[in-house]
Amino acid sequence: MKTTAMPIPPPLPEPAEGFVPLATAALDLHRLLHLPGDSAAADRTELDALHAHLVSLHRLLDAHTVRTAPVAAAEADHLRAVRTRLWQAAEHLHAAFHTAPRPTTCRPPGAEAHRPGLREGPPWSAVCRRHLRTALRVRRQTTPADLRDPFTGLVRH
């Protein structure tokens, strides 16, 4: 009876350097420590922090996309799709922030809060400034059709 030697698996990749693994671990720890098992809605402070995190992640993916495009077109195409989906997620978080109950009244904002040009003022206007600043960049890099396109999972190559 012949026995064959088991092939040696390839070595594991080196852990990623920098702060991205730490940020991932911090998010997991935050979820475990601060989100109870009961059904409580996310408050505006949490939604604002999540929006800031997504916008920051969007900027990181944007930098990777720009660096990758000249050397790996297919990979850059996937990174562009990720960047677009992150922006779509940030759009939804921004909308969720404005429909979340205000801390002073514990009620959702009324119809008057949704009129164009009516701002909520500090400190709640920070999320809007961040969102508008990022929106200018997104609209220069992405076509309107890409921003409205639902994710199908299909790739172009």
C-alpha atoms as a PDB file:
ATOM      1  CA  MET A   1       0.000   0.000   0.000  1.00  0.00           C
ATOM      2  CA  LYS A   2       1.425   3.302  -1.108  1.00  0.00           C
ATOM      3  CA  THR A   3       1.089   6.417   0.943  1.00  0.00           C
ATOM      4  CA  THR A   4       1.398   9.787  -0.594  1.00  0.00           C
ATOM      5  CA  ALA A   5       2.798  12.715   1.234  1.00  0.00           C
ATOM      6  CA  MET A   6       0.420  15.518   1.976  1.00  0.00           C
ATOM      7  CA  PRO A   7       1.322  18.647   0.028  1.00  0.00           C
ATOM      8  CA  ILE A   8       2.616  21.497   2.102  1.00  0.00           C
ATOM      9  CA  PRO A   9       0.140  24.380   2.059  1.00  0.00           C
ATOM     10  CA  PRO A  10       1.462  27.743   0.976  1.00  0.00           C
ATOM     11  CA  PRO A  11       2.518  30.041   3.798  1.00  0.00           C
ATOM     12  CA  LEU A  12      -0.062  32.416   5.174  1.00  0.00           C
ATOM     13  CA  PRO A  13       0.238  35.987   3.945  1.00  0.00           C
ATOM     14  CA  GLU A  14       1.875  38.472   6.222  1.00  0.00           C
ATOM     15  CA  PRO A  15      -0.607  40.446   8.326  1.00  0.00           C
ATOM     16  CA  ALA A  16      -1.534  43.771   6.791  1.00  0.00           C
ATOM     17  CA  GLU A  17       0.532  46.656   8.026  1.00  0.00           C
ATOM     18  CA  GLY A  18      -0.823  49.962   9.138  1.00  0.00           C
ATOM     19  CA  PHE A  19      -3.994  50.890  10.914  1.00  0.00           C
ATOM     20  CA  VAL A  20      -6.651  49.180   8.782  1.00  0.00           C
ATOM     21  CA  PRO A  21      -6.526  45.915  10.800  1.00  0.00           C
ATOM     22  CA  LEU A  22      -6.741  47.974  13.997  1.00  0.00           C
ATOM     23  CA  ALA A  23      -9.744  49.902  12.658  1.00  0.00           C
ATOM     24  CA  THR A  24     -11.452  46.627  11.782  1.00  0.00           C
ATOM     25  CA  ALA A  25     -10.810  45.220  15.250  1.00  0.00           C
ATOM     26  CA  ALA A  26     -12.009  48.469  16.836  1.00  0.00           C
ATOM     27  CA  LEU A  27     -15.294  48.287  14.910  1.00  0.00           C
ATOM     28  CA  ASP A  28     -15.830  44.699  16.015  1.00  0.00           C
ATOM     29  CA  LEU A  29     -15.073  45.629  19.630  1.00  0.00           C
ATOM     30  CA  HIS A  30     -17.391  48.644  19.427  1.00  0.00           C
ATOM     31  CA  ARG A  31     -20.216  46.444  18.165  1.00  0.00           C
ATOM     32  CA  LEU A  32     -19.691  43.933  20.967  1.00  0.00           C
ATOM     33  CA  LEU A  33     -19.447  46.524  23.750  1.00  0.00           C
ATOM     34  CA  HIS A  34     -21.918  49.188  22.701  1.00  0.00           C
ATOM     35  CA  LEU A  35     -24.734  47.475  20.848  1.00  0.00           C
ATOM     36  CA  PRO A  36     -27.063  45.664  23.198  1.00  0.00           C
ATOM     37  CA  GLY A  37     -29.068  42.663  22.090  1.00  0.00           C
ATOM     38  CA  ASP A  38     -32.377  44.495  22.444  1.00  0.00           C
ATOM     39  CA  SER A  39     -34.026  46.302  19.595  1.00  0.00           C
ATOM     40  CA  ALA A  40     -33.010  49.916  19.981  1.00  0.00           C
ATOM     41  CA  ALA A  41     -32.665  52.232  17.013  1.00  0.00           C
ATOM     42  CA  ALA A  42     -29.292  53.752  16.229  1.00  0.00           C
ATOM     43  CA  ASP A  43     -29.031  57.286  17.542  1.00  0.00           C
ATOM     44  CA  ARG A  44     -27.825  60.290  15.591  1.00  0.00           C
ATOM     45  CA  THR A  45     -24.382  60.277  17.213  1.00  0.00           C
ATOM     46  CA  GLU A  46     -23.783  56.678  16.146  1.00  0.00           C
ATOM     47  CA  LEU A  47     -25.064  57.355  12.617  1.00  0.00           C
ATOM     48  CA  ASP A  48     -22.819  60.417  12.353  1.00  0.00           C
ATOM     49  CA  ALA A  49     -19.794  58.371  13.460  1.00  0.00           C
ATOM     50  CA  LEU A  50     -20.638  55.599  10.985  1.00  0.00           C
ATOM     51  CA  HIS A  51     -21.004  58.169   8.204  1.00  0.00           C
ATOM     52  CA  ALA A  52     -17.583  59.624   9.048  1.00  0.00           C
ATOM     53  CA  HIS A  53     -16.118  56.121   9.000  1.00  0.00           C
ATOM     54  CA  LEU A  54     -17.623  55.309   5.591  1.00  0.00           C
ATOM     55  CA  VAL A  55     -16.452  58.594   4.095  1.00  0.00           C
ATOM     56  CA  SER A  56     -12.957  57.911   5.409  1.00  0.00           C
ATOM     57  CA  LEU A  57     -13.045  54.388   3.979  1.00  0.00           C
ATOM     58  CA  HIS A  58     -14.249  55.871   0.685  1.00  0.00           C
ATOM     59  CA  ARG A  59     -11.199  58.171   0.601  1.00  0.00           C
ATOM     60  CA  LEU A  60      -8.897  55.197   1.292  1.00  0.00           C
ATOM     61  CA  LEU A  61     -10.468  53.138  -1.512  1.00  0.00           C
ATOM     62  CA  ASP A  62     -10.258  56.152  -3.806  1.00  0.00           C
ATOM     63  CA  ALA A  63      -6.509  56.423  -3.190  1.00  0.00           C
ATOM     64  CA  HIS A  64      -6.073  52.693  -3.865  1.00  0.00           C
ATOM     65  CA  THR A  65      -8.148  52.965  -7.043  1.00  0.00           C
ATOM     66  CA  VAL A  66      -6.074  55.843  -8.399  1.00  0.00           C
ATOM     67  CA  ARG A  67      -2.809  54.014  -7.662  1.00  0.00           C
ATOM     68  CA  THR A  68      -4.025  50.692  -9.061  1.00  0.00           C
ATOM     69  CA  ALA A  69      -5.615  51.909 -12.314  1.00  0.00           C
ATOM     70  CA  PRO A  70      -2.373  52.426 -14.283  1.00  0.00           C
ATOM     71  CA  VAL A  71      -0.983  48.961 -13.462  1.00  0.00           C
ATOM     72  CA  ALA A  72      -3.989  46.639 -13.042  1.00  0.00           C
ATOM     73  CA  ALA A  73      -7.115  47.645 -14.968  1.00  0.00           C
ATOM     74  CA  ALA A  74      -9.323  44.730 -13.881  1.00  0.00           C
ATOM     75  CA  GLU A  75      -8.477  45.196 -10.208  1.00  0.00           C
ATOM     76  CA  ALA A  76      -9.053  48.943 -10.475  1.00  0.00           C
ATOM     77  CA  ASP A  77     -12.455  48.273 -12.031  1.00  0.00           C
ATOM     78  CA  HIS A  78     -13.445  46.266  -8.964  1.00  0.00           C
ATOM     79  CA  LEU A  79     -12.082  48.974  -6.671  1.00  0.00           C
ATOM     80  CA  ARG A  80     -14.141  51.588  -8.551  1.00  0.00           C
ATOM     81  CA  ALA A  81     -17.249  49.468  -7.942  1.00  0.00           C
ATOM     82  CA  VAL A  82     -16.416  49.216  -4.235  1.00  0.00           C
ATOM     83  CA  ARG A  83     -15.868  52.970  -4.066  1.00  0.00           C
ATOM     84  CA  THR A  84     -19.265  53.576  -5.682  1.00  0.00           C
ATOM     85  CA  ARG A  85     -21.042  51.180  -3.306  1.00  0.00           C
ATOM     86  CA  LEU A  86     -19.403  52.871  -0.317  1.00  0.00           C
ATOM     87  CA  TRP A  87     -20.737  56.213  -1.515  1.00  0.00           C
ATOM     88  CA  GLN A  88     -24.204  54.717  -1.922  1.00  0.00           C
ATOM     89  CA  ALA A  89     -23.972  53.396   1.647  1.00  0.00           C
ATOM     90  CA  ALA A  90     -22.875  56.841   2.869  1.00  0.00           C
ATOM     91  CA  GLU A  91     -25.886  58.380   1.091  1.00  0.00           C
ATOM     92  CA  HIS A  92     -28.208  56.011   2.953  1.00  0.00           C
ATOM     93  CA  LEU A  93     -26.483  56.719   6.286  1.00  0.00           C
ATOM     94  CA  HIS A  94     -26.874  60.441   5.696  1.00  0.00           C
ATOM     95  CA  ALA A  95     -30.588  59.950   5.025  1.00  0.00           C
ATOM     96  CA  ALA A  96     -30.935  57.721   8.102  1.00  0.00           C
ATOM     97  CA  PHE A  97     -29.255  60.405  10.209  1.00  0.00           C
ATOM     98  CA  HIS A  98     -31.829  62.991   9.163  1.00  0.00           C
ATOM     99  CA  THR A  99     -34.765  60.681   9.830  1.00  0.00           C
ATOM    100  CA  ALA A 100     -33.479  59.547  13.242  1.00  0.00           C
ATOM    101  CA  PRO A 101     -35.129  61.034  16.333  1.00  0.00           C
ATOM    102  CA  ARG A 102     -33.597  64.194  17.712  1.00  0.00           C
ATOM    103  CA  PRO A 103     -32.139  63.826  21.207  1.00  0.00           C
ATOM    104  CA  THR A 104     -34.098  66.781  22.600  1.00  0.00           C
ATOM    105  CA  THR A 105     -37.533  65.563  21.532  1.00  0.00           C
ATOM    106  CA  CYS A 106     -36.952  61.808  21.073  1.00  0.00           C
ATOM    107  CA  ARG A 107     -39.240  62.088  18.046  1.00  0.00           C
ATOM    108  CA  PRO A 108     -38.404  61.932  14.365  1.00  0.00           C
ATOM    109  CA  PRO A 109     -38.127  65.336  12.703  1.00  0.00           C
ATOM    110  CA  GLY A 110     -41.309  66.662  11.182  1.00  0.00           C
ATOM    111  CA  ALA A 111     -41.975  67.533   7.555  1.00  0.00           C
ATOM    112  CA  GLU A 112     -40.574  71.043   8.056  1.00  0.00           C
ATOM    113  CA  ALA A 113     -37.092  69.598   8.615  1.00  0.00           C
ATOM    114  CA  HIS A 114     -37.080  68.176   5.095  1.00  0.00           C
ATOM    115  CA  ARG A 115     -37.721  71.433   3.265  1.00  0.00           C
ATOM    116  CA  PRO A 116     -34.852  72.444   0.983  1.00  0.00           C
ATOM    117  CA  GLY A 117     -32.492  74.968   2.527  1.00  0.00           C
ATOM    118  CA  LEU A 118     -33.610  74.373   6.102  1.00  0.00           C
ATOM    119  CA  ARG A 119     -30.594  73.302   8.101  1.00  0.00           C
ATOM    120  CA  GLU A 120     -30.500  71.801  11.537  1.00  0.00           C
ATOM    121  CA  GLY A 121     -27.510  73.821  12.723  1.00  0.00           C
ATOM    122  CA  PRO A 122     -24.552  72.808  14.882  1.00  0.00           C
ATOM    123  CA  PRO A 123     -23.564  70.190  15.846  1.00  0.00           C
ATOM    124  CA  TRP A 124     -25.815  68.302  13.426  1.00  0.00           C
ATOM    125  CA  SER A 125     -24.723  70.272  10.378  1.00  0.00           C
ATOM    126  CA  ALA A 126     -21.251  68.618  10.517  1.00  0.00           C
ATOM    127  CA  VAL A 127     -22.577  65.458   8.883  1.00  0.00           C
ATOM    128  CA  CYS A 128     -24.002  67.535   6.024  1.00  0.00           C
ATOM    129  CA  ARG A 129     -20.763  69.473   5.496  1.00  0.00           C
ATOM    130  CA  ARG A 130     -18.807  66.204   5.380  1.00  0.00           C
ATOM    131  CA  HIS A 131     -21.348  64.666   3.037  1.00  0.00           C
ATOM    132  CA  LEU A 132     -21.350  67.641   0.640  1.00  0.00           C
ATOM    133  CA  ARG A 133     -17.558  67.840   0.611  1.00  0.00           C
ATOM    134  CA  THR A 134     -17.353  64.169  -0.362  1.00  0.00           C
ATOM    135  CA  ALA A 135     -20.228  64.458  -2.844  1.00  0.00           C
ATOM    136  CA  LEU A 136     -18.262  67.036  -4.862  1.00  0.00           C
ATOM    137  CA  ARG A 137     -15.381  64.604  -5.205  1.00  0.00           C
ATOM    138  CA  VAL A 138     -17.660  61.646  -5.988  1.00  0.00           C
ATOM    139  CA  ARG A 139     -19.482  63.494  -8.749  1.00  0.00           C
ATOM    140  CA  ARG A 140     -16.190  64.373 -10.437  1.00  0.00           C
ATOM    141  CA  GLN A 141     -15.101  60.701 -10.468  1.00  0.00           C
ATOM    142  CA  THR A 142     -18.341  58.833 -11.071  1.00  0.00           C
ATOM    143  CA  THR A 143     -21.038  59.085 -13.690  1.00  0.00           C
ATOM    144  CA  PRO A 144     -24.642  59.629 -12.576  1.00  0.00           C
ATOM    145  CA  ALA A 145     -25.542  56.296 -14.195  1.00  0.00           C
ATOM    146  CA  ASP A 146     -22.966  54.494 -12.022  1.00  0.00           C
ATOM    147  CA  LEU A 147     -24.348  56.135  -8.903  1.00  0.00           C
ATOM    148  CA  ARG A 148     -27.907  54.990  -9.657  1.00  0.00           C
ATOM    149  CA  ASP A 149     -26.953  51.565 -11.001  1.00  0.00           C
ATOM    150  CA  PRO A 150     -28.020  48.737  -8.687  1.00  0.00           C
ATOM    151  CA  PHE A 151     -25.297  46.243  -7.883  1.00  0.00           C
ATOM    152  CA  THR A 152     -25.760  43.138 -10.011  1.00  0.00           C
ATOM    153  CA  GLY A 153     -22.533  41.311  -9.246  1.00  0.00           C
ATOM    154  CA  LEU A 154     -21.652  41.269 -12.926  1.00  0.00           C
ATOM    155  CA  VAL A 155     -18.170  42.326 -13.905  1.00  0.00           C
ATOM    156  CA  ARG A 156     -17.135  44.018 -17.118  1.00  0.00           C
ATOM    157  CA  HIS A 157     -14.094  41.876 -17.944  1.00  0.00           C
END
